[in-house]
Amino acid sequence: KAKYIKEVCQVLKDKYDCDIPRTVAELCKLKGVGPKMAHICMSSAWNEPSGIGVDTHVHRISGRLGWTQKECKTPEHTRVALESWLPRDLWVEVNWMLVGFGQEICRPVGPKCNECLNRFMCPTGQNWTPSPKKNPSPKKKPSPKKKVKE
């Protein structure tokens, strides 16, 4: 990635007068930049919601919640499906909202459905049952602080 960053910086300096492109198509021509990052750049840099930035979390959670008509195989298919019904004024915040949710609660392996406020309206959460093999982990006690010699 460091190599991409150096190359992209030179392209931005030479071709865009040290700025970034103003279109998704031009952004995607930069090495290492795909549709997700291009759409996020458009909303962050130019305040233009050109599309939903769909990463692995948005892709997974949209499928789990049944937000797509059919199973989407790629993040790009998920983006098109979400944009077909989600109001444009929510396109920017849906990525930010679902990324954190996907990292903390709706994880790819071992989702915390028992802690999720959406459990009763989520198809995955409605089918969730606690694992009989796992006992709830006890609360960890803080480790005693070691004295530092002066």
N, C-alpha and C. Protein backbone atom coordinates (compact mmCIF):
# COMPACT_ATOMS: atom_id res chain seq x y z
N LYS A 1 0.82 -1.20 0.00
CA LYS A 1 0.00 0.00 0.00
C LYS A 1 0.86 1.26 0.00
N ALA A 2 2.01 1.20 0.62
CA ALA A 2 2.88 2.38 0.65
C ALA A 2 3.28 2.75 -0.77
N LYS A 3 3.51 1.74 -1.60
CA LYS A 3 3.88 1.99 -2.99
C LYS A 3 2.73 2.72 -3.71
N TYR A 4 1.49 2.27 -3.48
CA TYR A 4 0.32 2.93 -4.09
C TYR A 4 0.23 4.39 -3.63
N ILE A 5 0.45 4.60 -2.35
CA ILE A 5 0.33 5.96 -1.81
C ILE A 5 1.32 6.90 -2.50
N LYS A 6 2.55 6.44 -2.64
CA LYS A 6 3.56 7.28 -3.31
C LYS A 6 3.17 7.56 -4.75
N GLU A 7 2.73 6.52 -5.46
CA GLU A 7 2.34 6.70 -6.87
C GLU A 7 1.13 7.62 -6.99
N VAL A 8 0.15 7.43 -6.14
CA VAL A 8 -1.07 8.24 -6.18
C VAL A 8 -0.74 9.70 -5.85
N CYS A 9 0.11 9.92 -4.88
CA CYS A 9 0.50 11.29 -4.54
C CYS A 9 1.11 12.00 -5.74
N GLN A 10 1.94 11.29 -6.49
CA GLN A 10 2.56 11.89 -7.67
C GLN A 10 1.52 12.21 -8.73
N VAL A 11 0.56 11.28 -8.94
CA VAL A 11 -0.51 11.50 -9.91
C VAL A 11 -1.35 12.71 -9.49
N LEU A 12 -1.69 12.78 -8.20
CA LEU A 12 -2.49 13.91 -7.72
C LEU A 12 -1.75 15.23 -7.89
N LYS A 13 -0.47 15.20 -7.67
CA LYS A 13 0.34 16.41 -7.84
C LYS A 13 0.39 16.83 -9.31
N ASP A 14 0.68 15.86 -10.18
CA ASP A 14 0.87 16.15 -11.60
C ASP A 14 -0.43 16.43 -12.35
N LYS A 15 -1.44 15.61 -12.08
CA LYS A 15 -2.66 15.67 -12.89
C LYS A 15 -3.79 16.49 -12.27
N TYR A 16 -3.80 16.60 -10.94
CA TYR A 16 -4.92 17.25 -10.26
C TYR A 16 -4.51 18.45 -9.41
N ASP A 17 -3.32 18.98 -9.65
CA ASP A 17 -2.84 20.17 -8.94
C ASP A 17 -2.93 19.96 -7.42
N CYS A 18 -2.46 18.80 -6.95
CA CYS A 18 -2.42 18.44 -5.53
C CYS A 18 -3.80 18.30 -4.89
N ASP A 19 -4.82 18.12 -5.68
CA ASP A 19 -6.17 17.91 -5.17
C ASP A 19 -6.57 16.47 -5.51
N ILE A 20 -7.83 16.13 -5.33
CA ILE A 20 -8.32 14.80 -5.73
C ILE A 20 -9.36 14.98 -6.83
N PRO A 21 -9.55 13.93 -7.63
CA PRO A 21 -10.55 14.02 -8.70
C PRO A 21 -11.95 14.29 -8.16
N ARG A 22 -12.79 14.85 -9.03
CA ARG A 22 -14.16 15.22 -8.63
C ARG A 22 -15.22 14.23 -9.07
N THR A 23 -14.81 13.08 -9.63
CA THR A 23 -15.80 12.08 -10.05
C THR A 23 -15.39 10.70 -9.54
N VAL A 24 -16.38 9.84 -9.38
CA VAL A 24 -16.12 8.46 -8.96
C VAL A 24 -15.26 7.76 -10.00
N ALA A 25 -15.56 7.97 -11.27
CA ALA A 25 -14.80 7.31 -12.34
C ALA A 25 -13.32 7.70 -12.28
N GLU A 26 -13.04 8.99 -12.08
CA GLU A 26 -11.64 9.44 -12.01
C GLU A 26 -10.97 8.94 -10.73
N LEU A 27 -11.69 8.93 -9.63
CA LEU A 27 -11.12 8.42 -8.37
C LEU A 27 -10.76 6.94 -8.51
N CYS A 28 -11.61 6.18 -9.17
CA CYS A 28 -11.37 4.74 -9.33
C CYS A 28 -10.19 4.44 -10.25
N LYS A 29 -9.74 5.42 -11.02
CA LYS A 29 -8.56 5.23 -11.85
C LYS A 29 -7.27 5.28 -11.04
N LEU A 30 -7.35 5.82 -9.84
CA LEU A 30 -6.18 5.89 -8.96
C LEU A 30 -5.90 4.50 -8.40
N LYS A 31 -4.63 4.13 -8.35
CA LYS A 31 -4.26 2.80 -7.84
C LYS A 31 -4.71 2.64 -6.40
N GLY A 32 -5.34 1.51 -6.13
CA GLY A 32 -5.77 1.20 -4.77
C GLY A 32 -7.11 1.81 -4.37
N VAL A 33 -7.73 2.56 -5.27
CA VAL A 33 -9.03 3.17 -4.95
C VAL A 33 -10.12 2.44 -5.71
N GLY A 34 -11.08 1.90 -4.97
CA GLY A 34 -12.21 1.21 -5.57
C GLY A 34 -13.49 2.00 -5.34
N PRO A 35 -14.61 1.43 -5.75
CA PRO A 35 -15.88 2.15 -5.61
C PRO A 35 -16.21 2.58 -4.18
N LYS A 36 -15.94 1.72 -3.20
CA LYS A 36 -16.26 2.07 -1.81
C LYS A 36 -15.54 3.36 -1.42
N MET A 37 -14.24 3.40 -1.62
CA MET A 37 -13.47 4.58 -1.21
C MET A 37 -13.81 5.78 -2.08
N ALA A 38 -14.10 5.55 -3.34
CA ALA A 38 -14.46 6.67 -4.21
C ALA A 38 -15.75 7.33 -3.73
N HIS A 39 -16.75 6.54 -3.38
CA HIS A 39 -18.02 7.12 -2.89
C HIS A 39 -17.82 7.83 -1.55
N ILE A 40 -17.00 7.26 -0.68
CA ILE A 40 -16.73 7.91 0.61
C ILE A 40 -15.98 9.23 0.38
N CYS A 41 -15.03 9.23 -0.55
CA CYS A 41 -14.30 10.48 -0.88
C CYS A 41 -15.24 11.53 -1.43
N MET A 42 -16.13 11.12 -2.30
CA MET A 42 -17.06 12.09 -2.90
C MET A 42 -17.91 12.78 -1.82
N SER A 43 -18.36 12.00 -0.84
CA SER A 43 -19.20 12.61 0.21
C SER A 43 -18.35 13.41 1.20
N SER A 44 -17.17 12.91 1.53
CA SER A 44 -16.33 13.61 2.51
C SER A 44 -15.66 14.85 1.93
N ALA A 45 -15.07 14.71 0.74
CA ALA A 45 -14.30 15.81 0.16
C ALA A 45 -15.17 16.83 -0.56
N TRP A 46 -16.18 16.33 -1.27
CA TRP A 46 -16.96 17.23 -2.13
C TRP A 46 -18.40 17.41 -1.64
N ASN A 47 -18.75 16.80 -0.50
CA ASN A 47 -20.10 16.89 0.04
C ASN A 47 -21.15 16.48 -0.99
N GLU A 48 -20.82 15.44 -1.75
CA GLU A 48 -21.72 14.94 -2.78
C GLU A 48 -21.94 13.44 -2.58
N PRO A 49 -23.10 13.04 -2.10
CA PRO A 49 -23.37 11.61 -1.92
C PRO A 49 -23.60 10.93 -3.28
N SER A 50 -22.53 10.44 -3.86
CA SER A 50 -22.61 9.83 -5.19
C SER A 50 -23.02 8.37 -5.13
N GLY A 51 -22.92 7.76 -3.97
CA GLY A 51 -23.27 6.36 -3.80
C GLY A 51 -22.92 5.91 -2.40
N ILE A 52 -23.30 4.70 -2.07
CA ILE A 52 -23.03 4.14 -0.75
C ILE A 52 -21.68 3.43 -0.78
N GLY A 53 -20.83 3.74 0.17
CA GLY A 53 -19.56 3.04 0.31
C GLY A 53 -19.81 1.71 0.99
N VAL A 54 -19.77 0.63 0.21
CA VAL A 54 -20.09 -0.70 0.76
C VAL A 54 -18.80 -1.47 1.00
N ASP A 55 -18.50 -1.70 2.27
CA ASP A 55 -17.36 -2.53 2.63
C ASP A 55 -17.88 -3.87 3.12
N THR A 56 -17.01 -4.68 3.68
CA THR A 56 -17.41 -6.02 4.11
C THR A 56 -18.51 -5.98 5.17
N HIS A 57 -18.47 -4.99 6.06
CA HIS A 57 -19.49 -4.91 7.11
C HIS A 57 -20.86 -4.54 6.54
N VAL A 58 -20.90 -3.53 5.71
CA VAL A 58 -22.17 -3.11 5.10
C VAL A 58 -22.73 -4.24 4.25
N HIS A 59 -21.88 -4.92 3.50
CA HIS A 59 -22.29 -6.04 2.65
C HIS A 59 -22.90 -7.16 3.50
N ARG A 60 -22.20 -7.56 4.56
CA ARG A 60 -22.66 -8.67 5.41
C ARG A 60 -23.95 -8.31 6.15
N ILE A 61 -23.99 -7.14 6.77
CA ILE A 61 -25.14 -6.76 7.60
C ILE A 61 -26.38 -6.53 6.75
N SER A 62 -26.22 -5.94 5.59
CA SER A 62 -27.37 -5.73 4.69
C SER A 62 -28.01 -7.06 4.33
N GLY A 63 -27.18 -8.06 4.08
CA GLY A 63 -27.70 -9.40 3.79
C GLY A 63 -28.39 -10.02 4.99
N ARG A 64 -27.77 -9.90 6.15
CA ARG A 64 -28.35 -10.47 7.38
C ARG A 64 -29.69 -9.85 7.71
N LEU A 65 -29.80 -8.55 7.50
CA LEU A 65 -31.05 -7.84 7.83
C LEU A 65 -32.11 -8.00 6.75
N GLY A 66 -31.75 -8.59 5.63
CA GLY A 66 -32.71 -8.75 4.54
C GLY A 66 -32.97 -7.46 3.79
N TRP A 67 -31.99 -6.57 3.77
CA TRP A 67 -32.15 -5.27 3.11
C TRP A 67 -31.98 -5.35 1.60
N THR A 68 -31.60 -6.49 1.09
CA THR A 68 -31.46 -6.65 -0.35
C THR A 68 -32.50 -7.68 -0.81
N GLN A 69 -33.07 -7.45 -1.99
CA GLN A 69 -34.13 -8.32 -2.51
C GLN A 69 -33.65 -9.76 -2.65
N LYS A 70 -32.44 -9.92 -3.13
CA LYS A 70 -31.88 -11.26 -3.32
C LYS A 70 -30.49 -11.27 -2.70
N GLU A 71 -29.90 -12.44 -2.61
CA GLU A 71 -28.55 -12.53 -2.08
C GLU A 71 -27.57 -11.84 -3.03
N CYS A 72 -26.82 -10.93 -2.50
CA CYS A 72 -25.83 -10.20 -3.30
C CYS A 72 -24.47 -10.84 -3.10
N LYS A 73 -23.82 -11.17 -4.20
CA LYS A 73 -22.54 -11.85 -4.13
C LYS A 73 -21.37 -10.90 -3.92
N THR A 74 -21.51 -9.65 -4.32
CA THR A 74 -20.40 -8.70 -4.22
C THR A 74 -20.86 -7.41 -3.54
N PRO A 75 -19.92 -6.67 -2.96
CA PRO A 75 -20.28 -5.37 -2.38
C PRO A 75 -20.91 -4.43 -3.41
N GLU A 76 -20.47 -4.51 -4.66
CA GLU A 76 -21.03 -3.63 -5.69
C GLU A 76 -22.50 -3.96 -5.94
N HIS A 77 -22.86 -5.24 -5.94
CA HIS A 77 -24.27 -5.64 -6.08
C HIS A 77 -25.08 -5.15 -4.88
N THR A 78 -24.48 -5.24 -3.70
CA THR A 78 -25.15 -4.75 -2.49
C THR A 78 -25.39 -3.25 -2.60
N ARG A 79 -24.38 -2.50 -3.07
CA ARG A 79 -24.52 -1.05 -3.22
C ARG A 79 -25.71 -0.71 -4.12
N VAL A 80 -25.80 -1.36 -5.27
CA VAL A 80 -26.89 -1.09 -6.21
C VAL A 80 -28.24 -1.42 -5.57
N ALA A 81 -28.29 -2.56 -4.87
CA ALA A 81 -29.55 -2.97 -4.22
C ALA A 81 -29.97 -1.98 -3.14
N LEU A 82 -29.03 -1.53 -2.32
CA LEU A 82 -29.36 -0.57 -1.26
C LEU A 82 -29.79 0.76 -1.83
N GLU A 83 -29.08 1.22 -2.85
CA GLU A 83 -29.41 2.51 -3.44
C GLU A 83 -30.77 2.51 -4.13
N SER A 84 -31.28 1.32 -4.46
CA SER A 84 -32.58 1.25 -5.13
C SER A 84 -33.74 1.61 -4.20
N TRP A 85 -33.55 1.51 -2.89
CA TRP A 85 -34.65 1.83 -1.97
C TRP A 85 -34.27 2.79 -0.84
N LEU A 86 -33.01 2.87 -0.48
CA LEU A 86 -32.61 3.73 0.63
C LEU A 86 -32.60 5.20 0.18
N PRO A 87 -33.25 6.09 0.92
CA PRO A 87 -33.26 7.51 0.52
C PRO A 87 -31.84 8.05 0.41
N ARG A 88 -31.62 8.85 -0.61
CA ARG A 88 -30.30 9.39 -0.91
C ARG A 88 -29.68 10.14 0.28
N ASP A 89 -30.50 10.79 1.08
CA ASP A 89 -29.96 11.55 2.21
C ASP A 89 -29.41 10.64 3.32
N LEU A 90 -29.60 9.33 3.21
CA LEU A 90 -29.03 8.38 4.19
C LEU A 90 -27.82 7.62 3.64
N TRP A 91 -27.50 7.84 2.38
CA TRP A 91 -26.40 7.09 1.76
C TRP A 91 -25.07 7.29 2.48
N VAL A 92 -24.79 8.49 2.92
CA VAL A 92 -23.50 8.76 3.56
C VAL A 92 -23.42 8.09 4.93
N GLU A 93 -24.45 8.25 5.73
CA GLU A 93 -24.36 7.76 7.10
C GLU A 93 -24.55 6.25 7.25
N VAL A 94 -25.10 5.57 6.26
CA VAL A 94 -25.32 4.13 6.41
C VAL A 94 -23.99 3.39 6.53
N ASN A 95 -22.97 3.84 5.80
CA ASN A 95 -21.66 3.19 5.91
C ASN A 95 -21.09 3.38 7.31
N TRP A 96 -21.06 4.61 7.78
CA TRP A 96 -20.48 4.88 9.09
C TRP A 96 -21.23 4.14 10.19
N MET A 97 -22.52 4.07 10.08
CA MET A 97 -23.34 3.41 11.09
C MET A 97 -23.09 1.90 11.13
N LEU A 98 -23.07 1.27 9.96
CA LEU A 98 -22.95 -0.18 9.92
C LEU A 98 -21.54 -0.69 10.15
N VAL A 99 -20.52 0.10 9.85
CA VAL A 99 -19.15 -0.37 10.07
C VAL A 99 -18.90 -0.60 11.56
N GLY A 100 -19.19 0.36 12.38
CA GLY A 100 -18.99 0.19 13.82
C GLY A 100 -19.86 -0.92 14.39
N PHE A 101 -21.08 -0.97 13.94
CA PHE A 101 -22.02 -2.02 14.37
C PHE A 101 -21.48 -3.40 13.97
N GLY A 102 -20.90 -3.50 12.79
CA GLY A 102 -20.35 -4.76 12.31
C GLY A 102 -19.07 -5.18 13.02
N GLN A 103 -18.33 -4.21 13.51
CA GLN A 103 -17.10 -4.51 14.24
C GLN A 103 -17.37 -4.94 15.67
N GLU A 104 -18.42 -4.39 16.26
CA GLU A 104 -18.67 -4.63 17.68
C GLU A 104 -19.78 -5.64 17.97
N ILE A 105 -20.87 -5.60 17.25
CA ILE A 105 -22.03 -6.43 17.57
C ILE A 105 -22.29 -7.49 16.50
N CYS A 106 -22.52 -7.07 15.29
CA CYS A 106 -22.89 -7.98 14.20
C CYS A 106 -21.64 -8.48 13.49
N ARG A 107 -20.81 -9.17 14.24
CA ARG A 107 -19.51 -9.62 13.75
C ARG A 107 -19.66 -10.77 12.76
N PRO A 108 -18.67 -10.97 11.89
CA PRO A 108 -18.77 -12.04 10.90
C PRO A 108 -18.84 -13.42 11.53
N VAL A 109 -18.05 -13.64 12.56
CA VAL A 109 -18.06 -14.91 13.29
C VAL A 109 -18.44 -14.60 14.72
N GLY A 110 -19.40 -15.31 15.22
CA GLY A 110 -19.84 -15.08 16.60
C GLY A 110 -20.53 -13.75 16.81
N PRO A 111 -21.55 -13.44 15.97
CA PRO A 111 -22.26 -12.18 16.20
C PRO A 111 -22.89 -12.17 17.60
N LYS A 112 -22.94 -11.01 18.20
CA LYS A 112 -23.48 -10.87 19.56
C LYS A 112 -24.97 -10.57 19.49
N CYS A 113 -25.74 -11.49 18.94
CA CYS A 113 -27.18 -11.29 18.78
C CYS A 113 -27.86 -11.06 20.12
N ASN A 114 -27.34 -11.68 21.18
CA ASN A 114 -27.95 -11.51 22.50
C ASN A 114 -27.86 -10.07 23.00
N GLU A 115 -26.88 -9.29 22.48
CA GLU A 115 -26.71 -7.90 22.90
C GLU A 115 -27.33 -6.91 21.92
N CYS A 116 -27.83 -7.41 20.80
CA CYS A 116 -28.27 -6.54 19.72
C CYS A 116 -29.70 -6.04 19.92
N LEU A 117 -29.86 -4.73 19.80
CA LEU A 117 -31.19 -4.13 19.94
C LEU A 117 -32.09 -4.44 18.74
N ASN A 118 -31.50 -4.88 17.64
CA ASN A 118 -32.27 -5.21 16.43
C ASN A 118 -32.65 -6.69 16.35
N ARG A 119 -32.32 -7.46 17.37
CA ARG A 119 -32.47 -8.91 17.32
C ARG A 119 -33.88 -9.36 16.90
N PHE A 120 -34.91 -8.68 17.36
CA PHE A 120 -36.27 -9.16 17.10
C PHE A 120 -36.80 -8.78 15.73
N MET A 121 -36.11 -7.88 15.03
CA MET A 121 -36.53 -7.58 13.66
C MET A 121 -35.52 -8.09 12.63
N CYS A 122 -34.47 -8.73 13.09
CA CYS A 122 -33.42 -9.25 12.21
C CYS A 122 -33.64 -10.75 11.99
N PRO A 123 -33.69 -11.19 10.73
CA PRO A 123 -33.87 -12.63 10.48
C PRO A 123 -32.81 -13.50 11.16
N THR A 124 -31.57 -13.05 11.19
CA THR A 124 -30.51 -13.81 11.85
C THR A 124 -30.73 -13.80 13.36
N GLY A 125 -31.05 -12.65 13.91
CA GLY A 125 -31.26 -12.53 15.35
C GLY A 125 -32.47 -13.32 15.83
N GLN A 126 -33.53 -13.37 15.01
CA GLN A 126 -34.73 -14.11 15.39
C GLN A 126 -34.45 -15.60 15.50
N ASN A 127 -33.49 -16.08 14.72
CA ASN A 127 -33.14 -17.51 14.75
C ASN A 127 -32.00 -17.81 15.71
N TRP A 128 -31.49 -16.80 16.39
CA TRP A 128 -30.33 -16.97 17.26
C TRP A 128 -30.71 -17.72 18.53
N THR A 129 -29.86 -18.63 18.92
CA THR A 129 -29.99 -19.30 20.21
C THR A 129 -28.61 -19.34 20.84
N PRO A 130 -28.54 -19.22 22.15
CA PRO A 130 -27.23 -19.26 22.81
C PRO A 130 -26.57 -20.62 22.58
N SER A 131 -25.28 -20.62 22.44
CA SER A 131 -24.53 -21.86 22.25
C SER A 131 -24.54 -22.65 23.54
N PRO A 132 -24.91 -23.92 23.47
CA PRO A 132 -24.91 -24.73 24.70
C PRO A 132 -23.49 -25.02 25.18
N LYS A 133 -22.51 -24.90 24.31
CA LYS A 133 -21.13 -25.21 24.66
C LYS A 133 -20.43 -24.06 25.38
N LYS A 134 -20.93 -22.87 25.18
CA LYS A 134 -20.24 -21.70 25.74
C LYS A 134 -20.91 -21.23 27.01
N ASN A 135 -20.10 -21.00 28.02
CA ASN A 135 -20.58 -20.37 29.24
C ASN A 135 -20.25 -18.89 29.13
N PRO A 136 -21.11 -18.05 29.66
CA PRO A 136 -20.76 -16.63 29.61
C PRO A 136 -19.43 -16.41 30.32
N SER A 137 -18.57 -15.64 29.72
CA SER A 137 -17.26 -15.41 30.33
C SER A 137 -17.43 -14.51 31.55
N PRO A 138 -16.68 -14.83 32.61
CA PRO A 138 -16.79 -14.00 33.82
C PRO A 138 -16.17 -12.64 33.55
N LYS A 139 -16.63 -11.67 34.30
CA LYS A 139 -16.07 -10.33 34.18
C LYS A 139 -14.62 -10.38 34.61
N LYS A 140 -13.76 -9.81 33.81
CA LYS A 140 -12.34 -9.81 34.14
C LYS A 140 -12.07 -8.79 35.24
N LYS A 141 -11.25 -9.20 36.19
CA LYS A 141 -10.85 -8.27 37.24
C LYS A 141 -9.64 -7.50 36.75
N PRO A 142 -9.57 -6.25 37.08
CA PRO A 142 -8.38 -5.50 36.67
C PRO A 142 -7.13 -6.08 37.31
N SER A 143 -6.06 -6.18 36.56
CA SER A 143 -4.84 -6.72 37.11
C SER A 143 -4.22 -5.71 38.07
N PRO A 144 -3.61 -6.23 39.15
CA PRO A 144 -3.02 -5.29 40.13
C PRO A 144 -1.86 -4.54 39.47
N LYS A 145 -1.74 -3.28 39.84
CA LYS A 145 -0.67 -2.46 39.27
C LYS A 145 0.64 -2.81 39.96
N LYS A 146 1.66 -2.93 39.14
CA LYS A 146 2.99 -3.22 39.69
C LYS A 146 3.63 -1.93 40.16
N LYS A 147 4.34 -2.05 41.25
CA LYS A 147 5.03 -0.87 41.75
C LYS A 147 6.30 -0.66 40.92
N VAL A 148 6.54 0.56 40.61
CA VAL A 148 7.72 0.91 39.83
C VAL A 148 8.79 1.41 40.79
N LYS A 149 9.98 0.84 40.64
CA LYS A 149 11.09 1.28 41.50
C LYS A 149 11.54 2.65 41.06
N GLU A 150 11.80 3.46 42.05
CA GLU A 150 12.24 4.82 41.74
C GLU A 150 13.74 4.91 41.79
